[in-house]
Amino acid sequence: MQNIILEYSFQSISPLNNWHSARFFLHIIVEKNGFFLPSRAKIYYNIIIMIKEKLVLVKNSNATLDDIARQAGVSRMTAYKVINQKGHVRPQNEAAVKKACAELNYQKNAVARALSLNKKHTICVSYFIPFSHIQASSFILPLRKGLDSAYEELKNFHLQLLYDECSAQDMYAQADAICSRFQEGVRDFIVVPYSIPHITDCINDLTAKGARFVTLNRDCPASLRLAYVGCDYLSNGRLCGEILSKTSVPGTLLIIINEHFLQDSCTLDRFTGIVQSAFQTGTFETFERLIVSSADSIQDLLPPYLRASAITAIADLSSGIEQTAACLQKCNKSKPISLVGFDLYPTRAHLLDEYLVDCFVDQNLSQQGYWALKSFFQHIAFEKPISPVIASQSTPMFASNYSDFLAANVF
């Protein structure tokens, strides 16, 4: 019985468990064996202490040179030589030190160094304001929420955050504003690009002059940006198609697109993803495409489609899903019509509550804003590598899970 308890206590300590679990199981060992720890329990005690120290180091990413030396089983001087690439050490010791650095997430004490230098880091966030006032606030506020949340974590590291709003009425305005900031001395930018060709040229031109860029929400793949943080729109569309194929009755799929989005790569990727996945289960025999000029035009164009076609599902890629839902509510079809949209803004939540929309495929704008600023700042201030693509999670939002998602709104 003693051996079983000891084995169980050791195997239960993993990176997913915390120190309280380790201490609890150690307490069991002490209770089962009286007031002293037998020799084998002492071994497990030392193992647990070692695991506790490692867990704390990994969690805080605050390993010191002494920690690296202890982990690698070498002297402090040997660890110093390997980390700073000074002097000569044995190959096996060099490998042990590098392995310890990776295990303990050692960053050459970058945080302390950044603070000691007292260097101010300025990042300018440039974004565009969509045409619709409601759409603008719904789109911008979640992004700003994530950016502001990351700023609160990082502001004590001498971070200055600037915001530039640019009108979507002028496709040159955003590039001009970025160039103006560059002339003022700003070198680091997070950009939500409006006119992708113009911003691509701007990024490439200023990168050659020393600027650094991260694109947010919309990418400029042909540019020299360091990273893109945002939605994988192709996968986003595939998720929509999969949901429709599994929740709809057999018939025809209708995809609604705003004509202003026909040249938009994000919308086209979503459209491609829907078509790729919607027909895998055999639910739909074919699909039709309805191109609308505005949200209001849906009320005139959609009803004839509903009367004349065997439509059983709608994927709404326009900005007028409220109008689409209203048309469906007025239409008394013998077969139910599933409706799935994208991007669950707060102003659209009532469509789920009233069961007018079956699901929204959300891209989590707040998460995008948070990681764009945090990962970029860690790269420029702490020399931490940044991934070229950081994709936010696409989340299907139904009436049943929307409130739970809001309650667990963590980054």
Foldseek 3Di string as FASTA:
>chain_A
DLVVLLVVLQVVDDLVDALVSNVVSLVVNPVVVDPDHPPVSVVSVVVSVVSNVLSVLQVVVQDDLVQLCVQLVHDSVLLVCLVVVHDDDDPSSSVSSVVSCVSSVHQVRLQVVLVVVVDAAEEEEEEEADPDPVVRCLQVVLLVLLQVVLCVVCVVSRYHYHYHYHYLVDQCGRLVVVVVVVVVPHAEYEYAHNNLVNVQVSQQVSVVVRHAYEYFQADNVNHPHQAYFHAPLLVLLLVVLQVCLVPWAAFEEEEEEEPVCPPPPSLVSSVNNNVVRNPPVPRYPYYYYHYHNALVCCLVPVPVCVVPGRAAEYEYPYPNVVSVLVSQVPDDDPGHHAYEYEADGVVCLVCQVVVSHAKYFYQRSSNRSNCRVNQVCCCVRSVDRDDRYHGGDTDIDHSVCPVVCVVVVDD
